[in-house]
Amino acid sequence: MLKRPMRELIHQTIQRFEAAGISSPEINARMIWAHVMGLETWELTLRKQEPDEDQRKIAESLISAREKRIPLQHLLGSVGFCGLQLDVCSEVLIPRPETELLVETALKIAQEMDHADLRCLDMATGSGCIALSLAEALPESTIVGVDLSNDALKWAKHNAEKNRLSNRVNWVCSDLWESLTPGQEKWDIVTCNPPYIATHEIQTLEPEVRDHDPVLALDGGVDGLDFYRRIASEAVPFMRPAGKLILECGMGQASSIIQIFISASWFANEIIQDYNKTDRIIVFSPLHESSHP
C-alpha cells in the first residue's frame, strides 16, 4: 500500500464516505483513524504520527465496512454516553445524543425531589444507557432497568460491569410493566425511550438504522404511538404520588402524545426541545398529584 501522510489519508477517507452517502463524513473519517492509531481525533495531524502497514490494513477494513453503511459505533465497538463508554452491537439500539437530554431532565427532577430513597425505573432500557447514567449520578438511589429482550439485557449487564456499576442497577426482563407488581413497586422517576417509528417508515430510514438497529427497538406500530398508549394506560399504579414520567419522542409526535396522556388522566409538566429545536422530551405526572406548577 502506497504510504501517504495522515492529512491526505483523512481527506481520501472523507471523499470515500461522501461518495457512499454517509452523514458527517469528516467526523467518521477522523474517528476511524483515531481509533486505529490509538489517538484522540484532535491529535491526528498535530502529532505527525504516521500509521504503519498493519494500521493501514486495519483502517482500510473499517473504511470499507463503513462504506457498506455498517454503523460507525458497531465498527468501533462502543459509544460515549453521558460520560460512560457503552459497548453496542446489532442487538441493542445505538444510544443517540438526544437521549442524553432525557438523562439531564431526569437528574434535574431528581435534584428537585431531594429525598434519600429515590426510586428510578427505566423502561425499554436496551444498552442500559439511561439506567446506568442515572446510577452513576445518583449513587444513593434505587435503579431498575426493564427490557423485553434478553439479548438487550445481556448487553446492559455487560455495560454495567464495564462501567463498574453492576451493584447499582437491577435488570428485569418484562414487556413494560407485565413482570412488575402494581401498587407494591412504586417509582419517583420513570424514564423511557420507547420504539416510536411508524411501521411503514422503517424501510425509509438510513441503512445504518434500518439494517442494523433491532426492529423491536424501532417499531412503534401503525402510527408510531403504540407504546405511548400502553404507558399512558398502565403506568399510574406504579407511580409514587409526586412521581414523574419522562419520555423521549420523535419529530412531530409531541402534540399527539400529550393528547394520549391527557385522555388517560396525566398532566404534561414540560416539553423540552433538543438542539435542533425539535420537541424531544416530555415530562408527565399523574393527575392525582396534589400540585402542579
C-alpha atoms as a PDB file:
ATOM      1  CA  MET A   1       0.000   0.000   0.000  1.00  0.00           C
ATOM      2  CA  LEU A   2       1.419   3.406  -1.003  1.00  0.00           C
ATOM      3  CA  LYS A   3       2.321   5.438   2.081  1.00  0.00           C
ATOM      4  CA  ARG A   4       0.607   8.813   2.368  1.00  0.00           C
ATOM      5  CA  PRO A   5       0.672  11.427   5.170  1.00  0.00           C
ATOM      6  CA  MET A   6      -2.156  11.345   7.707  1.00  0.00           C
ATOM      7  CA  ARG A   7      -3.809  14.526   6.454  1.00  0.00           C
ATOM      8  CA  GLU A   8      -4.078  13.031   2.972  1.00  0.00           C
ATOM      9  CA  LEU A   9      -5.376   9.717   4.319  1.00  0.00           C
ATOM     10  CA  ILE A  10      -8.128  11.516   6.209  1.00  0.00           C
ATOM     11  CA  HIS A  11      -9.026  13.587   3.145  1.00  0.00           C
ATOM     12  CA  GLN A  12      -9.279  10.491   0.949  1.00  0.00           C
ATOM     13  CA  THR A  13     -11.423   8.754   3.561  1.00  0.00           C
ATOM     14  CA  ILE A  14     -13.768  11.749   3.673  1.00  0.00           C
ATOM     15  CA  GLN A  15     -14.126  11.606  -0.116  1.00  0.00           C
ATOM     16  CA  ARG A  16     -14.992   7.897   0.012  1.00  0.00           C
ATOM     17  CA  PHE A  17     -17.604   8.473   2.700  1.00  0.00           C
ATOM     18  CA  GLU A  18     -19.126  11.381   0.784  1.00  0.00           C
ATOM     19  CA  ALA A  19     -19.437   9.137  -2.284  1.00  0.00           C
ATOM     20  CA  ALA A  20     -21.144   6.477  -0.124  1.00  0.00           C
ATOM     21  CA  GLY A  21     -23.733   8.995   1.115  1.00  0.00           C
ATOM     22  CA  ILE A  22     -22.578   8.849   4.742  1.00  0.00           C
ATOM     23  CA  SER A  23     -23.633  11.681   7.039  1.00  0.00           C
ATOM     24  CA  SER A  24     -20.853  13.644   8.773  1.00  0.00           C
ATOM     25  CA  PRO A  25     -18.082  12.103   6.632  1.00  0.00           C
ATOM     26  CA  GLU A  26     -15.263  14.067   8.289  1.00  0.00           C
ATOM     27  CA  ILE A  27     -16.277  13.006  11.807  1.00  0.00           C
ATOM     28  CA  ASN A  28     -16.495   9.380  10.652  1.00  0.00           C
ATOM     29  CA  ALA A  29     -13.100   9.548   8.951  1.00  0.00           C
ATOM     30  CA  ARG A  30     -11.362  11.121  11.909  1.00  0.00           C
ATOM     31  CA  MET A  31     -12.900   8.711  14.417  1.00  0.00           C
ATOM     32  CA  ILE A  32     -11.819   5.663  12.427  1.00  0.00           C
ATOM     33  CA  TRP A  33      -8.242   6.868  12.023  1.00  0.00           C
ATOM     34  CA  ALA A  34      -8.071   7.945  15.687  1.00  0.00           C
ATOM     35  CA  HIS A  35      -9.338   4.514  16.733  1.00  0.00           C
ATOM     36  CA  VAL A  36      -6.730   2.743  14.601  1.00  0.00           C
ATOM     37  CA  MET A  37      -3.896   4.994  15.782  1.00  0.00           C
ATOM     38  CA  GLY A  38      -4.893   4.972  19.458  1.00  0.00           C
ATOM     39  CA  LEU A  39      -5.146   8.770  19.459  1.00  0.00           C
ATOM     40  CA  GLU A  40      -7.748  11.434  20.123  1.00  0.00           C
ATOM     41  CA  THR A  41      -9.203  12.937  16.939  1.00  0.00           C
ATOM     42  CA  TRP A  42      -7.516  16.293  17.553  1.00  0.00           C
ATOM     43  CA  GLU A  43      -4.112  14.605  17.796  1.00  0.00           C
ATOM     44  CA  LEU A  44      -4.199  13.001  14.351  1.00  0.00           C
ATOM     45  CA  THR A  45      -2.488  15.756  12.371  1.00  0.00           C
ATOM     46  CA  LEU A  46      -0.755  17.537  15.256  1.00  0.00           C
ATOM     47  CA  ARG A  47       1.401  14.615  16.381  1.00  0.00           C
ATOM     48  CA  LYS A  48       2.867  13.907  12.945  1.00  0.00           C
ATOM     49  CA  GLN A  49       2.457  10.201  13.708  1.00  0.00           C
ATOM     50  CA  GLU A  50       2.007   8.069  10.607  1.00  0.00           C
ATOM     51  CA  PRO A  51       0.255   4.674  10.515  1.00  0.00           C
ATOM     52  CA  ASP A  52       2.335   1.585   9.945  1.00  0.00           C
ATOM     53  CA  GLU A  53       1.390  -1.090   7.420  1.00  0.00           C
ATOM     54  CA  ASP A  54      -0.751  -3.098   9.862  1.00  0.00           C
ATOM     55  CA  GLN A  55      -2.644   0.012  10.965  1.00  0.00           C
ATOM     56  CA  ARG A  56      -3.323   0.943   7.354  1.00  0.00           C
ATOM     57  CA  LYS A  57      -4.761  -2.510   6.686  1.00  0.00           C
ATOM     58  CA  ILE A  58      -6.997  -2.296   9.761  1.00  0.00           C
ATOM     59  CA  ALA A  59      -8.143   1.170   8.716  1.00  0.00           C
ATOM     60  CA  GLU A  60      -8.922   0.002   5.194  1.00  0.00           C
ATOM     61  CA  SER A  61     -11.048  -2.840   6.579  1.00  0.00           C
ATOM     62  CA  LEU A  62     -13.019  -0.406   8.767  1.00  0.00           C
ATOM     63  CA  ILE A  63     -13.399   2.166   5.990  1.00  0.00           C
ATOM     64  CA  SER A  64     -14.677  -0.466   3.551  1.00  0.00           C
ATOM     65  CA  ALA A  65     -17.193  -1.708   6.133  1.00  0.00           C
ATOM     66  CA  ARG A  66     -18.353   1.844   6.818  1.00  0.00           C
ATOM     67  CA  GLU A  67     -18.844   2.397   3.079  1.00  0.00           C
ATOM     68  CA  LYS A  68     -21.294  -0.535   3.251  1.00  0.00           C
ATOM     69  CA  ARG A  69     -23.215   1.535   5.849  1.00  0.00           C
ATOM     70  CA  ILE A  70     -22.327  -0.578   8.852  1.00  0.00           C
ATOM     71  CA  PRO A  71     -22.730   1.846  11.800  1.00  0.00           C
ATOM     72  CA  LEU A  72     -19.561   3.510  12.983  1.00  0.00           C
ATOM     73  CA  GLN A  73     -20.387   2.581  16.585  1.00  0.00           C
ATOM     74  CA  HIS A  74     -20.558  -1.119  15.658  1.00  0.00           C
ATOM     75  CA  LEU A  75     -17.197  -0.904  13.922  1.00  0.00           C
ATOM     76  CA  LEU A  76     -15.524   0.849  16.849  1.00  0.00           C
ATOM     77  CA  GLY A  77     -17.395  -1.340  19.340  1.00  0.00           C
ATOM     78  CA  SER A  78     -18.551   1.339  21.726  1.00  0.00           C
ATOM     79  CA  VAL A  79     -20.165   4.757  22.066  1.00  0.00           C
ATOM     80  CA  GLY A  80     -19.787   7.549  24.601  1.00  0.00           C
ATOM     81  CA  PHE A  81     -22.940   8.470  26.513  1.00  0.00           C
ATOM     82  CA  CYS A  82     -23.179  10.864  29.485  1.00  0.00           C
ATOM     83  CA  GLY A  83     -19.532  10.233  30.310  1.00  0.00           C
ATOM     84  CA  LEU A  84     -19.826   6.431  30.141  1.00  0.00           C
ATOM     85  CA  GLN A  85     -18.390   4.124  27.472  1.00  0.00           C
ATOM     86  CA  LEU A  86     -21.035   1.630  26.338  1.00  0.00           C
ATOM     87  CA  ASP A  87     -20.446  -1.384  24.123  1.00  0.00           C
ATOM     88  CA  VAL A  88     -23.060  -1.821  21.394  1.00  0.00           C
ATOM     89  CA  CYS A  89     -23.989  -4.285  18.677  1.00  0.00           C
ATOM     90  CA  SER A  90     -26.960  -5.109  16.450  1.00  0.00           C
ATOM     91  CA  GLU A  91     -28.911  -6.472  19.458  1.00  0.00           C
ATOM     92  CA  VAL A  92     -29.357  -3.024  21.031  1.00  0.00           C
ATOM     93  CA  LEU A  93     -30.310   0.433  19.801  1.00  0.00           C
ATOM     94  CA  ILE A  94     -27.266   2.666  19.470  1.00  0.00           C
ATOM     95  CA  PRO A  95     -27.640   5.435  22.084  1.00  0.00           C
ATOM     96  CA  ARG A  96     -28.294   8.810  20.457  1.00  0.00           C
ATOM     97  CA  PRO A  97     -27.061  12.194  21.688  1.00  0.00           C
ATOM     98  CA  GLU A  98     -30.681  13.362  22.012  1.00  0.00           C
ATOM     99  CA  THR A  99     -31.269  10.759  24.714  1.00  0.00           C
ATOM    100  CA  GLU A 100     -28.661  12.440  26.907  1.00  0.00           C
ATOM    101  CA  LEU A 101     -31.247  15.225  27.214  1.00  0.00           C
ATOM    102  CA  LEU A 102     -33.641  12.718  28.788  1.00  0.00           C
ATOM    103  CA  VAL A 103     -30.984  11.847  31.379  1.00  0.00           C
ATOM    104  CA  GLU A 104     -30.296  15.541  32.058  1.00  0.00           C
ATOM    105  CA  THR A 105     -34.028  16.101  32.608  1.00  0.00           C
ATOM    106  CA  ALA A 106     -34.288  13.143  34.985  1.00  0.00           C
ATOM    107  CA  LEU A 107     -31.301  14.338  37.020  1.00  0.00           C
ATOM    108  CA  LYS A 108     -32.764  17.825  37.303  1.00  0.00           C
ATOM    109  CA  ILE A 109     -36.052  16.368  38.572  1.00  0.00           C
ATOM    110  CA  ALA A 110     -34.183  14.067  40.976  1.00  0.00           C
ATOM    111  CA  GLN A 111     -32.365  17.068  42.406  1.00  0.00           C
ATOM    112  CA  GLU A 112     -35.685  18.861  42.927  1.00  0.00           C
ATOM    113  CA  MET A 113     -37.166  15.806  44.679  1.00  0.00           C
ATOM    114  CA  ASP A 114     -34.178  15.651  47.043  1.00  0.00           C
ATOM    115  CA  HIS A 115     -35.069  12.655  49.196  1.00  0.00           C
ATOM    116  CA  ALA A 116     -32.968   9.696  50.303  1.00  0.00           C
ATOM    117  CA  ASP A 117     -34.971   6.740  48.977  1.00  0.00           C
ATOM    118  CA  LEU A 118     -35.306   7.882  45.358  1.00  0.00           C
ATOM    119  CA  ARG A 119     -36.544   5.093  43.088  1.00  0.00           C
ATOM    120  CA  CYS A 120     -35.946   5.226  39.322  1.00  0.00           C
ATOM    121  CA  LEU A 121     -37.293   2.842  36.680  1.00  0.00           C
ATOM    122  CA  ASP A 122     -36.010   2.796  33.093  1.00  0.00           C
ATOM    123  CA  MET A 123     -38.359   1.071  30.643  1.00  0.00           C
ATOM    124  CA  ALA A 124     -37.100  -0.367  27.305  1.00  0.00           C
ATOM    125  CA  THR A 125     -33.598   0.012  28.711  1.00  0.00           C
ATOM    126  CA  GLY A 126     -31.738  -1.501  25.715  1.00  0.00           C
ATOM    127  CA  SER A 127     -27.994  -0.974  26.164  1.00  0.00           C
ATOM    128  CA  GLY A 128     -28.689   0.335  29.669  1.00  0.00           C
ATOM    129  CA  CYS A 129     -27.545   3.842  28.728  1.00  0.00           C
ATOM    130  CA  ILE A 130     -30.226   5.721  30.703  1.00  0.00           C
ATOM    131  CA  ALA A 131     -30.309   3.435  33.753  1.00  0.00           C
ATOM    132  CA  LEU A 132     -26.513   3.364  34.042  1.00  0.00           C
ATOM    133  CA  SER A 133     -26.212   7.135  33.639  1.00  0.00           C
ATOM    134  CA  LEU A 134     -28.731   7.628  36.450  1.00  0.00           C
ATOM    135  CA  ALA A 135     -26.916   5.074  38.597  1.00  0.00           C
ATOM    136  CA  GLU A 136     -23.611   6.875  38.074  1.00  0.00           C
ATOM    137  CA  ALA A 137     -25.088  10.269  39.004  1.00  0.00           C
ATOM    138  CA  LEU A 138     -27.426   9.131  41.812  1.00  0.00           C
ATOM    139  CA  PRO A 139     -25.370   6.710  43.914  1.00  0.00           C
ATOM    140  CA  GLU A 140     -27.897   6.504  46.776  1.00  0.00           C
ATOM    141  CA  SER A 141     -30.935   5.763  44.592  1.00  0.00           C
ATOM    142  CA  THR A 142     -32.621   2.501  43.604  1.00  0.00           C
ATOM    143  CA  ILE A 143     -32.369   1.910  39.835  1.00  0.00           C
ATOM    144  CA  VAL A 144     -34.135  -0.795  37.811  1.00  0.00           C
ATOM    145  CA  GLY A 145     -33.840  -1.312  34.046  1.00  0.00           C
ATOM    146  CA  VAL A 146     -36.537  -3.251  32.182  1.00  0.00           C
ATOM    147  CA  ASP A 147     -36.497  -4.694  28.683  1.00  0.00           C
ATOM    148  CA  LEU A 148     -38.454  -7.327  26.767  1.00  0.00           C
ATOM    149  CA  SER A 149     -35.298  -8.580  25.055  1.00  0.00           C
ATOM    150  CA  ASN A 150     -32.965 -10.910  26.949  1.00  0.00           C
ATOM    151  CA  ASP A 151     -30.329 -10.118  24.322  1.00  0.00           C
ATOM    152  CA  ALA A 152     -30.559  -6.421  25.165  1.00  0.00           C
ATOM    153  CA  LEU A 153     -30.374  -7.131  28.895  1.00  0.00           C
ATOM    154  CA  LYS A 154     -27.223  -9.169  28.292  1.00  0.00           C
ATOM    155  CA  TRP A 155     -25.580  -6.057  26.874  1.00  0.00           C
ATOM    156  CA  ALA A 156     -26.993  -3.822  29.618  1.00  0.00           C
ATOM    157  CA  LYS A 157     -25.434  -6.115  32.236  1.00  0.00           C
ATOM    158  CA  HIS A 158     -22.169  -6.157  30.289  1.00  0.00           C
ATOM    159  CA  ASN A 159     -22.131  -2.351  30.183  1.00  0.00           C
ATOM    160  CA  ALA A 160     -22.875  -2.194  33.895  1.00  0.00           C
ATOM    161  CA  GLU A 161     -19.855  -4.398  34.555  1.00  0.00           C
ATOM    162  CA  LYS A 162     -17.675  -2.423  32.161  1.00  0.00           C
ATOM    163  CA  ASN A 163     -18.518   0.823  33.973  1.00  0.00           C
ATOM    164  CA  ARG A 164     -18.281  -0.732  37.461  1.00  0.00           C
ATOM    165  CA  LEU A 165     -21.987  -0.249  38.124  1.00  0.00           C
ATOM    166  CA  SER A 166     -23.093  -3.886  38.389  1.00  0.00           C
ATOM    167  CA  ASN A 167     -24.138  -3.479  42.010  1.00  0.00           C
ATOM    168  CA  ARG A 168     -26.140  -0.321  41.279  1.00  0.00           C
ATOM    169  CA  VAL A 169     -28.782  -1.494  38.808  1.00  0.00           C
ATOM    170  CA  ASN A 170     -31.200  -4.408  38.860  1.00  0.00           C
ATOM    171  CA  TRP A 171     -32.330  -5.743  35.479  1.00  0.00           C
ATOM    172  CA  VAL A 172     -35.770  -7.232  34.770  1.00  0.00           C
ATOM    173  CA  CYS A 173     -36.958  -8.998  31.615  1.00  0.00           C
ATOM    174  CA  SER A 174     -40.507  -7.765  31.078  1.00  0.00           C
ATOM    175  CA  ASP A 175     -42.886  -6.440  28.443  1.00  0.00           C
ATOM    176  CA  LEU A 176     -43.114  -2.989  30.026  1.00  0.00           C
ATOM    177  CA  TRP A 177     -44.966  -3.476  33.332  1.00  0.00           C
ATOM    178  CA  GLU A 178     -46.045  -7.118  32.985  1.00  0.00           C
ATOM    179  CA  SER A 179     -43.477  -8.577  35.410  1.00  0.00           C
ATOM    180  CA  LEU A 180     -43.812  -5.741  37.920  1.00  0.00           C
ATOM    181  CA  THR A 181     -46.315  -5.626  40.786  1.00  0.00           C
ATOM    182  CA  PRO A 182     -48.747  -2.679  40.640  1.00  0.00           C
ATOM    183  CA  GLY A 183     -49.274  -0.945  43.961  1.00  0.00           C
ATOM    184  CA  GLN A 184     -46.203  -2.554  45.547  1.00  0.00           C
ATOM    185  CA  GLU A 185     -43.431  -1.281  43.281  1.00  0.00           C
ATOM    186  CA  LYS A 186     -43.816   2.489  43.026  1.00  0.00           C
ATOM    187  CA  TRP A 187     -41.380   4.887  41.442  1.00  0.00           C
ATOM    188  CA  ASP A 188     -40.385   8.539  41.758  1.00  0.00           C
ATOM    189  CA  ILE A 189     -38.967   8.729  38.235  1.00  0.00           C
ATOM    190  CA  VAL A 190     -39.854   6.548  35.269  1.00  0.00           C
ATOM    191  CA  THR A 191     -37.850   7.079  32.082  1.00  0.00           C
ATOM    192  CA  CYS A 192     -38.463   5.587  28.666  1.00  0.00           C
ATOM    193  CA  ASN A 193     -37.203   5.998  25.123  1.00  0.00           C
ATOM    194  CA  PRO A 194     -39.778   3.691  23.521  1.00  0.00           C
ATOM    195  CA  PRO A 195     -39.958   2.480  19.922  1.00  0.00           C
ATOM    196  CA  TYR A 196     -41.604   5.365  18.065  1.00  0.00           C
ATOM    197  CA  ILE A 197     -41.076   4.776  14.338  1.00  0.00           C
ATOM    198  CA  ALA A 198     -44.258   4.027  12.382  1.00  0.00           C
ATOM    199  CA  THR A 199     -44.021   0.536  10.882  1.00  0.00           C
ATOM    200  CA  HIS A 200     -44.315   1.747   7.291  1.00  0.00           C
ATOM    201  CA  GLU A 201     -41.496   4.276   7.810  1.00  0.00           C
ATOM    202  CA  ILE A 202     -38.859   1.784   8.914  1.00  0.00           C
ATOM    203  CA  GLN A 203     -37.889   0.890   5.349  1.00  0.00           C
ATOM    204  CA  THR A 204     -37.269   4.592   4.615  1.00  0.00           C
ATOM    205  CA  LEU A 205     -34.677   5.007   7.370  1.00  0.00           C
ATOM    206  CA  GLU A 206     -30.955   5.290   6.721  1.00  0.00           C
ATOM    207  CA  PRO A 207     -29.304   1.865   6.206  1.00  0.00           C
ATOM    208  CA  GLU A 208     -27.346   2.225   9.459  1.00  0.00           C
ATOM    209  CA  VAL A 209     -30.661   2.262  11.358  1.00  0.00           C
ATOM    210  CA  ARG A 210     -32.903   0.166   9.114  1.00  0.00           C
ATOM    211  CA  ASP A 211     -30.476  -2.710   8.680  1.00  0.00           C
ATOM    212  CA  HIS A 212     -28.548  -2.699  11.951  1.00  0.00           C
ATOM    213  CA  ASP A 213     -30.728  -1.457  14.830  1.00  0.00           C
ATOM    214  CA  PRO A 214     -33.111  -4.107  16.237  1.00  0.00           C
ATOM    215  CA  VAL A 215     -36.630  -3.734  14.781  1.00  0.00           C
ATOM    216  CA  LEU A 216     -38.002  -4.373  18.279  1.00  0.00           C
ATOM    217  CA  ALA A 217     -36.412  -1.085  19.373  1.00  0.00           C
ATOM    218  CA  LEU A 218     -37.739   0.866  16.385  1.00  0.00           C
ATOM    219  CA  ASP A 219     -41.258  -0.316  15.532  1.00  0.00           C
ATOM    220  CA  GLY A 220     -43.914   1.748  17.304  1.00  0.00           C
ATOM    221  CA  GLY A 221     -46.874   0.363  15.374  1.00  0.00           C
ATOM    222  CA  VAL A 222     -49.005   1.842  12.612  1.00  0.00           C
ATOM    223  CA  ASP A 223     -48.565   5.470  13.737  1.00  0.00           C
ATOM    224  CA  GLY A 224     -45.530   5.023  15.962  1.00  0.00           C
ATOM    225  CA  LEU A 225     -47.519   5.702  19.137  1.00  0.00           C
ATOM    226  CA  ASP A 226     -48.478   2.213  20.365  1.00  0.00           C
ATOM    227  CA  PHE A 227     -46.057   2.214  23.293  1.00  0.00           C
ATOM    228  CA  TYR A 228     -47.142   5.665  24.437  1.00  0.00           C
ATOM    229  CA  ARG A 229     -50.748   4.452  24.606  1.00  0.00           C
ATOM    230  CA  ARG A 230     -49.698   1.467  26.704  1.00  0.00           C
ATOM    231  CA  ILE A 231     -47.562   3.553  29.038  1.00  0.00           C
ATOM    232  CA  ALA A 232     -50.334   6.137  29.495  1.00  0.00           C
ATOM    233  CA  SER A 233     -52.889   3.464  30.358  1.00  0.00           C
ATOM    234  CA  GLU A 234     -50.665   1.232  32.524  1.00  0.00           C
ATOM    235  CA  ALA A 235     -48.186   3.454  34.383  1.00  0.00           C
ATOM    236  CA  VAL A 236     -50.261   5.207  37.081  1.00  0.00           C
ATOM    237  CA  PRO A 237     -50.350   2.288  39.594  1.00  0.00           C
ATOM    238  CA  PHE A 238     -46.549   2.221  39.506  1.00  0.00           C
ATOM    239  CA  MET A 239     -46.031   5.919  40.275  1.00  0.00           C
ATOM    240  CA  ARG A 240     -45.461   7.499  43.646  1.00  0.00           C
ATOM    241  CA  PRO A 241     -47.869  10.413  44.309  1.00  0.00           C
ATOM    242  CA  ALA A 242     -45.410  13.079  43.128  1.00  0.00           C
ATOM    243  CA  GLY A 243     -43.733  10.815  40.583  1.00  0.00           C
ATOM    244  CA  LYS A 244     -42.628  11.982  37.151  1.00  0.00           C
ATOM    245  CA  LEU A 245     -42.705  10.103  33.847  1.00  0.00           C
ATOM    246  CA  ILE A 246     -40.069  11.276  31.349  1.00  0.00           C
ATOM    247  CA  LEU A 247     -40.426  10.188  27.717  1.00  0.00           C
ATOM    248  CA  GLU A 248     -38.453  10.718  24.541  1.00  0.00           C
ATOM    249  CA  CYS A 249     -40.422  11.125  21.300  1.00  0.00           C
ATOM    250  CA  GLY A 250     -39.885  11.521  17.579  1.00  0.00           C
ATOM    251  CA  MET A 251     -40.200  14.594  15.395  1.00  0.00           C
ATOM    252  CA  GLY A 252     -43.771  15.875  15.160  1.00  0.00           C
ATOM    253  CA  GLN A 253     -45.156  13.439  17.747  1.00  0.00           C
ATOM    254  CA  ALA A 254     -45.290  15.561  20.901  1.00  0.00           C
ATOM    255  CA  SER A 255     -48.782  17.025  20.486  1.00  0.00           C
ATOM    256  CA  SER A 256     -50.358  13.625  19.722  1.00  0.00           C
ATOM    257  CA  ILE A 257     -48.583  12.033  22.686  1.00  0.00           C
ATOM    258  CA  ILE A 258     -49.759  14.792  25.019  1.00  0.00           C
ATOM    259  CA  GLN A 259     -53.358  14.227  23.907  1.00  0.00           C
ATOM    260  CA  ILE A 260     -52.994  10.491  24.586  1.00  0.00           C
ATOM    261  CA  PHE A 261     -51.775  11.183  28.117  1.00  0.00           C
ATOM    262  CA  ILE A 262     -54.314  13.893  28.895  1.00  0.00           C
ATOM    263  CA  SER A 263     -57.078  11.454  27.893  1.00  0.00           C
ATOM    264  CA  ALA A 264     -55.569   8.930  30.336  1.00  0.00           C
ATOM    265  CA  SER A 265     -55.559  11.420  33.248  1.00  0.00           C
ATOM    266  CA  TRP A 266     -51.992  12.688  33.099  1.00  0.00           C
ATOM    267  CA  PHE A 267     -50.672  16.235  33.323  1.00  0.00           C
ATOM    268  CA  ALA A 268     -47.981  17.436  30.886  1.00  0.00           C
ATOM    269  CA  ASN A 269     -45.471  19.294  33.061  1.00  0.00           C
ATOM    270  CA  GLU A 270     -42.878  20.229  30.480  1.00  0.00           C
ATOM    271  CA  ILE A 271     -41.830  19.849  26.841  1.00  0.00           C
ATOM    272  CA  ILE A 272     -38.090  20.077  26.190  1.00  0.00           C
ATOM    273  CA  GLN A 273     -36.568  20.722  22.784  1.00  0.00           C
ATOM    274  CA  ASP A 274     -33.337  19.214  21.522  1.00  0.00           C
ATOM    275  CA  TYR A 275     -30.536  21.221  19.947  1.00  0.00           C
ATOM    276  CA  ASN A 276     -32.364  21.215  16.611  1.00  0.00           C
ATOM    277  CA  LYS A 277     -35.396  22.907  18.247  1.00  0.00           C
ATOM    278  CA  THR A 278     -37.411  19.678  17.935  1.00  0.00           C
ATOM    279  CA  ASP A 279     -39.801  18.736  20.755  1.00  0.00           C
ATOM    280  CA  ARG A 280     -37.925  15.718  22.104  1.00  0.00           C
ATOM    281  CA  ILE A 281     -38.617  15.128  25.831  1.00  0.00           C
ATOM    282  CA  ILE A 282     -41.992  15.294  27.605  1.00  0.00           C
ATOM    283  CA  VAL A 283     -42.434  15.200  31.372  1.00  0.00           C
ATOM    284  CA  PHE A 284     -45.751  13.921  32.731  1.00  0.00           C
ATOM    285  CA  SER A 285     -47.224  13.422  36.173  1.00  0.00           C
ATOM    286  CA  PRO A 286     -50.435  11.604  37.187  1.00  0.00           C
ATOM    287  CA  LEU A 287     -53.376  13.903  37.801  1.00  0.00           C
ATOM    288  CA  HIS A 288     -53.669  12.585  41.351  1.00  0.00           C
ATOM    289  CA  GLU A 289     -50.540  14.614  42.167  1.00  0.00           C
ATOM    290  CA  SER A 290     -51.542  17.280  44.669  1.00  0.00           C
ATOM    291  CA  SER A 291     -49.974  20.263  42.910  1.00  0.00           C
ATOM    292  CA  HIS A 292     -48.620  21.334  39.534  1.00  0.00           C
ATOM    293  CA  PRO A 293     -46.502  24.295  38.509  1.00  0.00           C
END
